[in-house]
Amino acid sequence: MRAMVINQYGKVPMQLADMPIPELSDYEVLVTIYAASFNPIDFKIRDGRVKLLVKYNMPLILGNDFSGVVTKVGKKVTRFKVGDEIYGRPRKSKIGTFAEYIAIHEDDIALKPRNLTFEEAASIPLVGLTSYQALIDILQLQKGQKVFIQAGAGGVGTFAIQLAKEMGATVATTASQAGEDLVKSLGADIIINYKNEKFEEILNDYDAVFDTLGGEILEKSFEVVRPGGKIASVSGLPNARFGKDYGSGFFKTLLFSVASHKLTSLEKKYQVHYTFLFMKPSGKQLKVIADLIEAGKIKPIIDKVFSFDDAQKAMEYAESGRAKGKIILKIR
């Protein structure tokens, strides 16, 4: 099969290569991939920035979510059959959606929303699961609460705003002037132009923050949360609590504790609970998301679609940060 691979960590371009079609285990299905999408985790993995959490062998096929058709099923698969149109996010040890085929555990996929094309469906799994696990599992957002979602016009932001509004929350977000109309159309109540406004001077007493940017932006987010509130971040640093829950072992957990010392201090200062989110695949949650999409509650937001041969151009565009919504790789 054709696949886009890297042969070493670092800011290296992906290369088109011939790779073997994956072998199936008993609980896996073989999927012919029709479309995949780009996410920030793709270049973080390429650069080696998640090596402490997951190590990969080279050559490595990149790509973390997809849509496609089941081509073959393992002996013990019970929920899917050949010909099913599905979408999913593979386990972190089994990534590789920038390819013509993937083997994936049946627990990690769901039937794709019937009202979406393959390209639209491929835009959903990673951002949908990330938003679901942040807003529902970690932040436990309730109707009437206030949530601040960073970078509302980005891939995760566009989904998270819609999900938070469906949950009955008041949503504040940041966007440039170019993204303002988009986030407003998705339901954002308060829109802060990050180029000339400071969110920490405008927002206060928020119940929750969903951070997608990390760094100084994350640190300032503590200032807008009420005592007892919560912050979930996909771009901040893992802390000791995460290390223990993730089973990282004593040494890595100690490293996380040292690296996240400033965030732990901010937690205590503002009496806010901080959680680093390393999203997990879930076919069950994808089924819930598909139901919301089919009911018209959430819609995919796509910026551009690239051909398979232009995968490296798509990666460079994803890294530019200019996209409004998702960047799609059309594979067939």
C-alpha atoms as a PDB file:
ATOM      1  CA  MET A   1       0.000   0.000   0.000  1.00  0.00           C
ATOM      2  CA  ARG A   2       1.023   3.635  -0.419  1.00  0.00           C
ATOM      3  CA  ALA A   3       1.685   5.550   2.788  1.00  0.00           C
ATOM      4  CA  MET A   4       3.197   8.840   3.959  1.00  0.00           C
ATOM      5  CA  VAL A   5       6.087   8.078   6.326  1.00  0.00           C
ATOM      6  CA  ILE A   6       8.937   9.637   8.264  1.00  0.00           C
ATOM      7  CA  ASN A   7      12.215   7.824   8.872  1.00  0.00           C
ATOM      8  CA  GLN A   8      13.410   9.868  11.855  1.00  0.00           C
ATOM      9  CA  TYR A   9      12.145  12.384  14.389  1.00  0.00           C
ATOM     10  CA  GLY A  10      12.486  16.086  13.610  1.00  0.00           C
ATOM     11  CA  LYS A  11      11.111  18.673  11.221  1.00  0.00           C
ATOM     12  CA  VAL A  12      11.540  16.346   8.272  1.00  0.00           C
ATOM     13  CA  PRO A  13       9.181  16.103   5.290  1.00  0.00           C
ATOM     14  CA  MET A  14       6.954  13.069   4.927  1.00  0.00           C
ATOM     15  CA  GLN A  15       7.831  10.736   2.086  1.00  0.00           C
ATOM     16  CA  LEU A  16       5.573   8.576  -0.046  1.00  0.00           C
ATOM     17  CA  ALA A  17       6.550   4.926   0.445  1.00  0.00           C
ATOM     18  CA  ASP A  18       5.348   1.394  -0.279  1.00  0.00           C
ATOM     19  CA  MET A  19       4.483  -0.285   3.020  1.00  0.00           C
ATOM     20  CA  PRO A  20       3.009  -3.704   3.788  1.00  0.00           C
ATOM     21  CA  ILE A  21      -0.766  -3.902   4.302  1.00  0.00           C
ATOM     22  CA  PRO A  22      -1.249  -4.402   8.067  1.00  0.00           C
ATOM     23  CA  GLU A  23      -1.911  -7.875   9.473  1.00  0.00           C
ATOM     24  CA  LEU A  24      -5.120  -8.328  11.472  1.00  0.00           C
ATOM     25  CA  SER A  25      -5.443  -9.495  15.064  1.00  0.00           C
ATOM     26  CA  ASP A  26      -8.620 -11.297  16.162  1.00  0.00           C
ATOM     27  CA  TYR A  27     -10.420  -8.122  17.308  1.00  0.00           C
ATOM     28  CA  GLU A  28      -9.317  -5.822  14.484  1.00  0.00           C
ATOM     29  CA  VAL A  29     -10.830  -4.845  11.157  1.00  0.00           C
ATOM     30  CA  LEU A  30      -8.907  -3.919   8.021  1.00  0.00           C
ATOM     31  CA  VAL A  31     -10.150  -0.608   6.644  1.00  0.00           C
ATOM     32  CA  THR A  32      -9.709   0.849   3.181  1.00  0.00           C
ATOM     33  CA  ILE A  33      -9.101   4.497   4.065  1.00  0.00           C
ATOM     34  CA  TYR A  34     -10.987   7.069   2.001  1.00  0.00           C
ATOM     35  CA  ALA A  35      -9.975  10.226   3.869  1.00  0.00           C
ATOM     36  CA  ALA A  36      -7.910  11.336   6.846  1.00  0.00           C
ATOM     37  CA  SER A  37      -7.433  14.660   8.616  1.00  0.00           C
ATOM     38  CA  PHE A  38      -4.526  16.677   9.978  1.00  0.00           C
ATOM     39  CA  ASN A  39      -4.192  17.560  13.653  1.00  0.00           C
ATOM     40  CA  PRO A  40      -1.479  19.286  15.723  1.00  0.00           C
ATOM     41  CA  ILE A  41      -0.585  15.915  17.257  1.00  0.00           C
ATOM     42  CA  ASP A  42       0.738  14.865  13.828  1.00  0.00           C
ATOM     43  CA  PHE A  43       3.633  17.318  13.845  1.00  0.00           C
ATOM     44  CA  LYS A  44       4.167  16.887  17.598  1.00  0.00           C
ATOM     45  CA  ILE A  45       4.703  13.164  16.969  1.00  0.00           C
ATOM     46  CA  ARG A  46       6.926  13.900  13.952  1.00  0.00           C
ATOM     47  CA  ASP A  47       9.074  16.280  16.012  1.00  0.00           C
ATOM     48  CA  GLY A  48       9.477  13.729  18.808  1.00  0.00           C
ATOM     49  CA  ARG A  49       7.591  15.850  21.335  1.00  0.00           C
ATOM     50  CA  VAL A  50       5.530  12.945  22.663  1.00  0.00           C
ATOM     51  CA  LYS A  51       8.409  10.474  23.026  1.00  0.00           C
ATOM     52  CA  LEU A  52       8.053  10.511  26.809  1.00  0.00           C
ATOM     53  CA  LEU A  53       4.484   9.278  26.417  1.00  0.00           C
ATOM     54  CA  VAL A  54       4.700   7.030  23.326  1.00  0.00           C
ATOM     55  CA  LYS A  55       7.720   5.752  21.394  1.00  0.00           C
ATOM     56  CA  TYR A  56       7.419   4.730  17.758  1.00  0.00           C
ATOM     57  CA  ASN A  57       9.516   2.562  15.477  1.00  0.00           C
ATOM     58  CA  MET A  58      10.698   3.931  12.144  1.00  0.00           C
ATOM     59  CA  PRO A  59       9.633   4.176   9.388  1.00  0.00           C
ATOM     60  CA  LEU A  60       6.473   5.631  10.918  1.00  0.00           C
ATOM     61  CA  ILE A  61       3.209   6.247   9.072  1.00  0.00           C
ATOM     62  CA  LEU A  62       1.678   9.444  10.426  1.00  0.00           C
ATOM     63  CA  GLY A  63      -2.025  10.275  10.768  1.00  0.00           C
ATOM     64  CA  ASN A  64      -4.436  10.007  13.693  1.00  0.00           C
ATOM     65  CA  ASP A  65      -8.004   9.867  12.377  1.00  0.00           C
ATOM     66  CA  PHE A  66      -9.843   8.711   9.267  1.00  0.00           C
ATOM     67  CA  SER A  67     -12.965   7.440   7.555  1.00  0.00           C
ATOM     68  CA  GLY A  68     -13.264   4.454   5.260  1.00  0.00           C
ATOM     69  CA  VAL A  69     -14.826   1.092   4.472  1.00  0.00           C
ATOM     70  CA  VAL A  70     -14.291  -2.216   6.292  1.00  0.00           C
ATOM     71  CA  THR A  71     -12.498  -4.596   3.914  1.00  0.00           C
ATOM     72  CA  LYS A  72     -11.799  -7.561   6.202  1.00  0.00           C
ATOM     73  CA  VAL A  73     -12.663  -8.558   9.793  1.00  0.00           C
ATOM     74  CA  GLY A  74     -10.729 -10.475  12.436  1.00  0.00           C
ATOM     75  CA  LYS A  75     -11.986 -13.819  13.774  1.00  0.00           C
ATOM     76  CA  LYS A  76     -13.531 -12.383  16.961  1.00  0.00           C
ATOM     77  CA  VAL A  77     -14.973  -9.145  15.581  1.00  0.00           C
ATOM     78  CA  THR A  78     -18.716  -8.989  16.331  1.00  0.00           C
ATOM     79  CA  ARG A  79     -19.859  -5.410  15.728  1.00  0.00           C
ATOM     80  CA  PHE A  80     -18.732  -4.715  12.155  1.00  0.00           C
ATOM     81  CA  LYS A  81     -18.858  -6.446   8.801  1.00  0.00           C
ATOM     82  CA  VAL A  82     -17.234  -6.073   5.397  1.00  0.00           C
ATOM     83  CA  GLY A  83     -18.706  -3.080   3.597  1.00  0.00           C
ATOM     84  CA  ASP A  84     -19.489  -1.000   6.688  1.00  0.00           C
ATOM     85  CA  GLU A  85     -18.679   2.700   6.311  1.00  0.00           C
ATOM     86  CA  ILE A  86     -16.864   3.689   9.508  1.00  0.00           C
ATOM     87  CA  TYR A  87     -14.786   6.420  11.089  1.00  0.00           C
ATOM     88  CA  GLY A  88     -12.317   6.338  13.946  1.00  0.00           C
ATOM     89  CA  ARG A  89      -9.209   7.317  15.823  1.00  0.00           C
ATOM     90  CA  PRO A  90      -6.649   4.498  16.241  1.00  0.00           C
ATOM     91  CA  ARG A  91      -4.832   3.750  19.471  1.00  0.00           C
ATOM     92  CA  LYS A  92      -1.664   5.730  20.001  1.00  0.00           C
ATOM     93  CA  SER A  93       0.441   2.619  19.435  1.00  0.00           C
ATOM     94  CA  LYS A  94      -1.356   1.912  16.136  1.00  0.00           C
ATOM     95  CA  ILE A  95      -1.474   5.295  14.370  1.00  0.00           C
ATOM     96  CA  GLY A  96      -0.979   5.554  10.615  1.00  0.00           C
ATOM     97  CA  THR A  97      -4.004   6.943   8.787  1.00  0.00           C
ATOM     98  CA  PHE A  98      -2.028   8.680   6.019  1.00  0.00           C
ATOM     99  CA  ALA A  99      -2.126   5.387   4.125  1.00  0.00           C
ATOM    100  CA  GLU A 100      -4.413   3.314   1.933  1.00  0.00           C
ATOM    101  CA  TYR A 101      -5.213   0.764   4.676  1.00  0.00           C
ATOM    102  CA  ILE A 102      -5.203   0.494   8.452  1.00  0.00           C
ATOM    103  CA  ALA A 103      -5.873  -2.311  10.936  1.00  0.00           C
ATOM    104  CA  ILE A 104      -7.857  -1.013  13.903  1.00  0.00           C
ATOM    105  CA  HIS A 105      -9.532  -2.520  16.985  1.00  0.00           C
ATOM    106  CA  GLU A 106     -13.309  -2.698  16.701  1.00  0.00           C
ATOM    107  CA  ASP A 107     -13.634  -0.814  20.020  1.00  0.00           C
ATOM    108  CA  ASP A 108     -12.039   2.263  18.412  1.00  0.00           C
ATOM    109  CA  ILE A 109     -14.454   2.790  15.508  1.00  0.00           C
ATOM    110  CA  ALA A 110     -18.118   3.578  14.870  1.00  0.00           C
ATOM    111  CA  LEU A 111     -20.375   3.707  11.843  1.00  0.00           C
ATOM    112  CA  LYS A 112     -19.759   7.062  10.196  1.00  0.00           C
ATOM    113  CA  PRO A 113     -22.580   9.623  10.342  1.00  0.00           C
ATOM    114  CA  ARG A 114     -24.902   8.801   7.464  1.00  0.00           C
ATOM    115  CA  ASN A 115     -25.345  12.436   6.459  1.00  0.00           C
ATOM    116  CA  LEU A 116     -21.605  13.085   5.987  1.00  0.00           C
ATOM    117  CA  THR A 117     -19.256  12.416   3.090  1.00  0.00           C
ATOM    118  CA  PHE A 118     -16.066  10.473   3.799  1.00  0.00           C
ATOM    119  CA  GLU A 119     -14.111  13.749   3.773  1.00  0.00           C
ATOM    120  CA  GLU A 120     -16.500  15.346   6.274  1.00  0.00           C
ATOM    121  CA  ALA A 121     -16.499  12.255   8.498  1.00  0.00           C
ATOM    122  CA  ALA A 122     -12.694  12.146   8.550  1.00  0.00           C
ATOM    123  CA  SER A 123     -12.663  15.639  10.056  1.00  0.00           C
ATOM    124  CA  ILE A 124     -14.456  14.516  13.211  1.00  0.00           C
ATOM    125  CA  PRO A 125     -12.848  11.686  15.249  1.00  0.00           C
ATOM    126  CA  LEU A 126      -9.873  13.368  16.926  1.00  0.00           C
ATOM    127  CA  VAL A 127     -11.466  16.776  17.504  1.00  0.00           C
ATOM    128  CA  GLY A 128     -14.768  15.189  18.469  1.00  0.00           C
ATOM    129  CA  LEU A 129     -13.269  12.809  21.019  1.00  0.00           C
ATOM    130  CA  THR A 130     -10.946  15.498  22.373  1.00  0.00           C
ATOM    131  CA  SER A 131     -13.852  17.907  22.888  1.00  0.00           C
ATOM    132  CA  TYR A 132     -16.095  15.200  24.364  1.00  0.00           C
ATOM    133  CA  GLN A 133     -13.472  14.055  26.862  1.00  0.00           C
ATOM    134  CA  ALA A 134     -12.540  17.623  27.814  1.00  0.00           C
ATOM    135  CA  LEU A 135     -16.037  19.079  28.206  1.00  0.00           C
ATOM    136  CA  ILE A 136     -17.924  16.025  29.474  1.00  0.00           C
ATOM    137  CA  ASP A 137     -15.416  13.688  31.146  1.00  0.00           C
ATOM    138  CA  ILE A 138     -13.005  16.213  32.703  1.00  0.00           C
ATOM    139  CA  LEU A 139     -14.752  19.578  32.989  1.00  0.00           C
ATOM    140  CA  GLN A 140     -18.174  17.954  33.575  1.00  0.00           C
ATOM    141  CA  LEU A 141     -19.796  21.020  32.074  1.00  0.00           C
ATOM    142  CA  GLN A 142     -23.372  21.676  33.197  1.00  0.00           C
ATOM    143  CA  LYS A 143     -26.215  23.619  31.630  1.00  0.00           C
ATOM    144  CA  GLY A 144     -25.928  27.311  32.487  1.00  0.00           C
ATOM    145  CA  GLN A 145     -22.213  27.206  33.251  1.00  0.00           C
ATOM    146  CA  LYS A 146     -19.616  29.410  31.555  1.00  0.00           C
ATOM    147  CA  VAL A 147     -16.724  27.883  29.605  1.00  0.00           C
ATOM    148  CA  PHE A 148     -13.804  29.576  27.868  1.00  0.00           C
ATOM    149  CA  ILE A 149     -12.615  27.683  24.779  1.00  0.00           C
ATOM    150  CA  GLN A 150      -9.289  28.826  23.345  1.00  0.00           C
ATOM    151  CA  ALA A 151      -8.759  29.227  19.573  1.00  0.00           C
ATOM    152  CA  GLY A 152     -12.378  28.873  18.556  1.00  0.00           C
ATOM    153  CA  ALA A 153     -11.754  28.851  14.788  1.00  0.00           C
ATOM    154  CA  GLY A 154      -9.313  25.920  14.955  1.00  0.00           C
ATOM    155  CA  GLY A 155     -10.152  22.272  14.384  1.00  0.00           C
ATOM    156  CA  VAL A 156     -10.838  21.440  18.032  1.00  0.00           C
ATOM    157  CA  GLY A 157     -12.353  24.846  18.774  1.00  0.00           C
ATOM    158  CA  THR A 158     -15.003  24.668  16.051  1.00  0.00           C
ATOM    159  CA  PHE A 159     -16.231  21.321  17.369  1.00  0.00           C
ATOM    160  CA  ALA A 160     -15.944  22.206  21.067  1.00  0.00           C
ATOM    161  CA  ILE A 161     -18.015  25.395  20.687  1.00  0.00           C
ATOM    162  CA  GLN A 162     -20.854  23.427  19.101  1.00  0.00           C
ATOM    163  CA  LEU A 163     -20.741  20.689  21.744  1.00  0.00           C
ATOM    164  CA  ALA A 164     -20.643  23.192  24.622  1.00  0.00           C
ATOM    165  CA  LYS A 165     -23.641  25.067  23.193  1.00  0.00           C
ATOM    166  CA  GLU A 166     -25.517  21.773  22.796  1.00  0.00           C
ATOM    167  CA  MET A 167     -24.808  21.179  26.505  1.00  0.00           C
ATOM    168  CA  GLY A 168     -26.398  24.516  27.371  1.00  0.00           C
ATOM    169  CA  ALA A 169     -23.260  26.436  28.331  1.00  0.00           C
ATOM    170  CA  THR A 170     -22.304  30.053  27.755  1.00  0.00           C
ATOM    171  CA  VAL A 171     -19.208  30.047  25.545  1.00  0.00           C
ATOM    172  CA  ALA A 172     -16.406  32.591  25.297  1.00  0.00           C
ATOM    173  CA  THR A 173     -13.635  32.091  22.757  1.00  0.00           C
ATOM    174  CA  THR A 174     -10.698  33.783  21.068  1.00  0.00           C
ATOM    175  CA  ALA A 175     -10.429  34.376  17.326  1.00  0.00           C
ATOM    176  CA  SER A 176      -8.900  36.763  14.840  1.00  0.00           C
ATOM    177  CA  GLN A 177     -11.102  39.100  12.834  1.00  0.00           C
ATOM    178  CA  ALA A 178     -10.953  36.560  10.000  1.00  0.00           C
ATOM    179  CA  GLY A 179     -12.413  33.856  12.249  1.00  0.00           C
ATOM    180  CA  GLU A 180     -15.012  35.983  14.032  1.00  0.00           C
ATOM    181  CA  ASP A 181     -17.935  35.264  11.703  1.00  0.00           C
ATOM    182  CA  LEU A 182     -17.235  31.536  11.816  1.00  0.00           C
ATOM    183  CA  VAL A 183     -17.201  31.211  15.620  1.00  0.00           C
ATOM    184  CA  LYS A 184     -20.267  33.447  15.882  1.00  0.00           C
ATOM    185  CA  SER A 185     -22.116  31.163  13.449  1.00  0.00           C
ATOM    186  CA  LEU A 186     -21.240  28.186  15.675  1.00  0.00           C
ATOM    187  CA  GLY A 187     -22.851  29.830  18.695  1.00  0.00           C
ATOM    188  CA  ALA A 188     -20.015  31.548  20.568  1.00  0.00           C
ATOM    189  CA  ASP A 189     -21.501  34.129  22.978  1.00  0.00           C
ATOM    190  CA  ILE A 190     -18.372  36.186  23.669  1.00  0.00           C
ATOM    191  CA  ILE A 191     -15.645  36.575  21.024  1.00  0.00           C
ATOM    192  CA  ILE A 192     -12.300  38.070  21.993  1.00  0.00           C
ATOM    193  CA  ASN A 193      -9.957  39.295  19.255  1.00  0.00           C
ATOM    194  CA  TYR A 194      -6.667  37.911  20.551  1.00  0.00           C
ATOM    195  CA  LYS A 195      -4.667  40.318  18.385  1.00  0.00           C
ATOM    196  CA  ASN A 196      -5.777  43.422  20.237  1.00  0.00           C
ATOM    197  CA  GLU A 197      -7.643  42.233  23.347  1.00  0.00           C
ATOM    198  CA  LYS A 198      -6.496  40.340  26.452  1.00  0.00           C
ATOM    199  CA  PHE A 199      -8.940  37.663  27.510  1.00  0.00           C
ATOM    200  CA  GLU A 200      -7.692  37.735  31.118  1.00  0.00           C
ATOM    201  CA  GLU A 201      -8.795  41.378  31.358  1.00  0.00           C
ATOM    202  CA  ILE A 202     -12.268  40.662  29.941  1.00  0.00           C
ATOM    203  CA  LEU A 203     -13.351  37.315  31.430  1.00  0.00           C
ATOM    204  CA  ASN A 204     -13.814  36.403  35.079  1.00  0.00           C
ATOM    205  CA  ASP A 205     -15.560  33.872  37.311  1.00  0.00           C
ATOM    206  CA  TYR A 206     -15.685  31.163  34.619  1.00  0.00           C
ATOM    207  CA  ASP A 207     -16.559  27.608  35.597  1.00  0.00           C
ATOM    208  CA  ALA A 208     -14.180  25.995  33.133  1.00  0.00           C
ATOM    209  CA  VAL A 209     -11.473  26.528  30.526  1.00  0.00           C
ATOM    210  CA  PHE A 210     -10.663  24.231  27.612  1.00  0.00           C
ATOM    211  CA  ASP A 211      -7.109  25.129  26.592  1.00  0.00           C
ATOM    212  CA  THR A 212      -5.670  24.119  23.225  1.00  0.00           C
ATOM    213  CA  LEU A 213      -2.638  26.413  23.151  1.00  0.00           C
ATOM    214  CA  GLY A 214      -0.582  25.813  26.306  1.00  0.00           C
ATOM    215  CA  GLY A 215       2.319  27.988  27.441  1.00  0.00           C
ATOM    216  CA  GLU A 216       1.661  31.506  28.645  1.00  0.00           C
ATOM    217  CA  ILE A 217      -1.930  31.409  27.349  1.00  0.00           C
ATOM    218  CA  LEU A 218      -2.662  28.447  29.616  1.00  0.00           C
ATOM    219  CA  GLU A 219      -1.032  30.140  32.596  1.00  0.00           C
ATOM    220  CA  LYS A 220      -3.150  33.283  32.126  1.00  0.00           C
ATOM    221  CA  SER A 221      -6.272  31.124  31.878  1.00  0.00           C
ATOM    222  CA  PHE A 222      -6.076  30.401  35.616  1.00  0.00           C
ATOM    223  CA  GLU A 223      -6.925  34.061  36.209  1.00  0.00           C
ATOM    224  CA  VAL A 224     -10.398  33.776  34.650  1.00  0.00           C
ATOM    225  CA  VAL A 225     -11.598  30.657  36.510  1.00  0.00           C
ATOM    226  CA  ARG A 226     -13.599  30.824  39.736  1.00  0.00           C
ATOM    227  CA  PRO A 227     -12.282  29.014  42.842  1.00  0.00           C
ATOM    228  CA  GLY A 228     -13.247  25.346  42.503  1.00  0.00           C
ATOM    229  CA  GLY A 229     -13.364  25.611  38.709  1.00  0.00           C
ATOM    230  CA  LYS A 230     -11.524  23.386  36.249  1.00  0.00           C
ATOM    231  CA  ILE A 231      -9.062  23.622  33.369  1.00  0.00           C
ATOM    232  CA  ALA A 232      -8.510  20.888  30.774  1.00  0.00           C
ATOM    233  CA  SER A 233      -5.574  21.265  28.394  1.00  0.00           C
ATOM    234  CA  VAL A 234      -4.354  19.289  25.404  1.00  0.00           C
ATOM    235  CA  SER A 235      -1.282  21.502  24.960  1.00  0.00           C
ATOM    236  CA  GLY A 236      -0.096  22.083  28.520  1.00  0.00           C
ATOM    237  CA  LEU A 237       2.379  19.932  30.419  1.00  0.00           C
ATOM    238  CA  PRO A 238       1.481  16.555  31.943  1.00  0.00           C
ATOM    239  CA  ASN A 239       1.629  16.716  35.749  1.00  0.00           C
ATOM    240  CA  ALA A 240       2.293  14.104  38.433  1.00  0.00           C
ATOM    241  CA  ARG A 241      -1.422  13.288  38.677  1.00  0.00           C
ATOM    242  CA  PHE A 242      -1.463  12.454  34.968  1.00  0.00           C
ATOM    243  CA  GLY A 243       1.698  10.351  35.310  1.00  0.00           C
ATOM    244  CA  LYS A 244       0.111   8.212  38.034  1.00  0.00           C
ATOM    245  CA  ASP A 245      -3.191   7.821  36.177  1.00  0.00           C
ATOM    246  CA  TYR A 246      -1.414   6.995  32.913  1.00  0.00           C
ATOM    247  CA  GLY A 247       0.864   4.462  34.568  1.00  0.00           C
ATOM    248  CA  SER A 248       4.016   6.276  33.495  1.00  0.00           C
ATOM    249  CA  GLY A 249       6.218   4.859  36.249  1.00  0.00           C
ATOM    250  CA  PHE A 250       8.096   6.618  39.031  1.00  0.00           C
ATOM    251  CA  PHE A 251      10.818   8.332  36.950  1.00  0.00           C
ATOM    252  CA  LYS A 252       8.540   9.790  34.267  1.00  0.00           C
ATOM    253  CA  THR A 253       5.988  10.851  36.882  1.00  0.00           C
ATOM    254  CA  LEU A 254       8.769  12.650  38.743  1.00  0.00           C
ATOM    255  CA  LEU A 255       9.790  14.401  35.500  1.00  0.00           C
ATOM    256  CA  PHE A 256       6.194  15.475  34.912  1.00  0.00           C
ATOM    257  CA  SER A 257       6.000  16.797  38.469  1.00  0.00           C
ATOM    258  CA  VAL A 258       9.136  18.917  38.050  1.00  0.00           C
ATOM    259  CA  ALA A 259       8.207  20.186  34.570  1.00  0.00           C
ATOM    260  CA  SER A 260       4.675  21.178  35.638  1.00  0.00           C
ATOM    261  CA  HIS A 261       5.719  22.850  38.904  1.00  0.00           C
ATOM    262  CA  LYS A 262       4.473  26.274  37.766  1.00  0.00           C
ATOM    263  CA  LEU A 263       1.057  24.904  36.828  1.00  0.00           C
ATOM    264  CA  THR A 264       0.784  23.152  40.202  1.00  0.00           C
ATOM    265  CA  SER A 265       1.582  26.456  41.926  1.00  0.00           C
ATOM    266  CA  LEU A 266      -1.133  28.191  39.881  1.00  0.00           C
ATOM    267  CA  GLU A 267      -3.607  25.460  40.839  1.00  0.00           C
ATOM    268  CA  LYS A 268      -2.995  26.194  44.520  1.00  0.00           C
ATOM    269  CA  LYS A 269      -2.967  29.977  44.099  1.00  0.00           C
ATOM    270  CA  TYR A 270      -6.297  30.130  42.251  1.00  0.00           C
ATOM    271  CA  GLN A 271      -7.882  26.969  43.790  1.00  0.00           C
ATOM    272  CA  VAL A 272      -8.445  25.574  40.310  1.00  0.00           C
ATOM    273  CA  HIS A 273      -8.158  21.929  39.251  1.00  0.00           C
ATOM    274  CA  TYR A 274      -5.868  21.396  36.214  1.00  0.00           C
ATOM    275  CA  THR A 275      -5.960  18.254  34.056  1.00  0.00           C
ATOM    276  CA  PHE A 276      -3.737  17.370  31.096  1.00  0.00           C
ATOM    277  CA  LEU A 277      -5.797  15.525  28.473  1.00  0.00           C
ATOM    278  CA  PHE A 278      -4.139  12.790  26.419  1.00  0.00           C
ATOM    279  CA  MET A 279      -7.201  11.733  24.480  1.00  0.00           C
ATOM    280  CA  LYS A 280      -8.219   8.058  24.288  1.00  0.00           C
ATOM    281  CA  PRO A 281      -9.930   6.375  21.320  1.00  0.00           C
ATOM    282  CA  SER A 282     -13.542   5.358  21.940  1.00  0.00           C
ATOM    283  CA  GLY A 283     -16.004   3.846  19.501  1.00  0.00           C
ATOM    284  CA  LYS A 284     -18.793   4.351  22.055  1.00  0.00           C
ATOM    285  CA  GLN A 285     -18.175   8.103  22.213  1.00  0.00           C
ATOM    286  CA  LEU A 286     -17.916   8.277  18.416  1.00  0.00           C
ATOM    287  CA  LYS A 287     -21.385   6.679  18.268  1.00  0.00           C
ATOM    288  CA  VAL A 288     -22.757   9.444  20.537  1.00  0.00           C
ATOM    289  CA  ILE A 289     -21.049  12.061  18.354  1.00  0.00           C
ATOM    290  CA  ALA A 290     -22.475  10.473  15.185  1.00  0.00           C
ATOM    291  CA  ASP A 291     -25.965  10.675  16.691  1.00  0.00           C
ATOM    292  CA  LEU A 292     -25.489  14.401  17.405  1.00  0.00           C
ATOM    293  CA  ILE A 293     -24.280  15.004  13.846  1.00  0.00           C
ATOM    294  CA  GLU A 294     -27.147  13.039  12.291  1.00  0.00           C
ATOM    295  CA  ALA A 295     -29.590  15.052  14.444  1.00  0.00           C
ATOM    296  CA  GLY A 296     -28.125  18.284  13.034  1.00  0.00           C
ATOM    297  CA  LYS A 297     -26.726  19.403  16.401  1.00  0.00           C
ATOM    298  CA  ILE A 298     -23.083  19.517  15.224  1.00  0.00           C
ATOM    299  CA  LYS A 299     -21.641  20.039  11.760  1.00  0.00           C
ATOM    300  CA  PRO A 300     -18.119  19.496  10.400  1.00  0.00           C
ATOM    301  CA  ILE A 301     -16.058  22.578   9.585  1.00  0.00           C
ATOM    302  CA  ILE A 302     -13.545  22.004   6.785  1.00  0.00           C
ATOM    303  CA  ASP A 303     -10.945  24.505   5.598  1.00  0.00           C
ATOM    304  CA  LYS A 304      -9.261  22.667   2.695  1.00  0.00           C
ATOM    305  CA  VAL A 305      -9.081  19.232   1.086  1.00  0.00           C
ATOM    306  CA  PHE A 306      -5.712  18.038  -0.279  1.00  0.00           C
ATOM    307  CA  SER A 307      -4.957  15.077  -2.529  1.00  0.00           C
ATOM    308  CA  PHE A 308      -2.862  12.196  -1.187  1.00  0.00           C
ATOM    309  CA  ASP A 309       0.090  13.251  -3.344  1.00  0.00           C
ATOM    310  CA  ASP A 310      -0.020  16.704  -1.704  1.00  0.00           C
ATOM    311  CA  ALA A 311       0.128  15.366   1.862  1.00  0.00           C
ATOM    312  CA  GLN A 312       3.334  17.239   2.684  1.00  0.00           C
ATOM    313  CA  LYS A 313       1.827  20.521   1.468  1.00  0.00           C
ATOM    314  CA  ALA A 314      -1.167  19.811   3.695  1.00  0.00           C
ATOM    315  CA  MET A 315       1.117  19.210   6.690  1.00  0.00           C
ATOM    316  CA  GLU A 316       2.888  22.527   6.068  1.00  0.00           C
ATOM    317  CA  TYR A 317      -0.455  24.313   5.835  1.00  0.00           C
ATOM    318  CA  ALA A 318      -1.576  22.673   9.090  1.00  0.00           C
ATOM    319  CA  GLU A 319       1.591  23.903  10.811  1.00  0.00           C
ATOM    320  CA  SER A 320       1.017  27.450   9.587  1.00  0.00           C
ATOM    321  CA  GLY A 321      -1.921  27.835  11.957  1.00  0.00           C
ATOM    322  CA  ARG A 322      -3.976  29.644   9.304  1.00  0.00           C
ATOM    323  CA  ALA A 323      -6.677  27.015   8.885  1.00  0.00           C
ATOM    324  CA  LYS A 324     -10.254  27.739   9.933  1.00  0.00           C
ATOM    325  CA  GLY A 325     -11.582  24.279  10.746  1.00  0.00           C
ATOM    326  CA  LYS A 326     -10.060  21.008   9.558  1.00  0.00           C
ATOM    327  CA  ILE A 327      -7.584  20.097   6.819  1.00  0.00           C
ATOM    328  CA  ILE A 328      -8.490  16.894   4.990  1.00  0.00           C
ATOM    329  CA  LEU A 329      -6.377  14.391   3.059  1.00  0.00           C
ATOM    330  CA  LYS A 330      -8.432  12.677   0.333  1.00  0.00           C
ATOM    331  CA  ILE A 331      -6.929   9.239  -0.158  1.00  0.00           C
ATOM    332  CA  ARG A 332      -9.460   7.693  -2.579  1.00  0.00           C
END
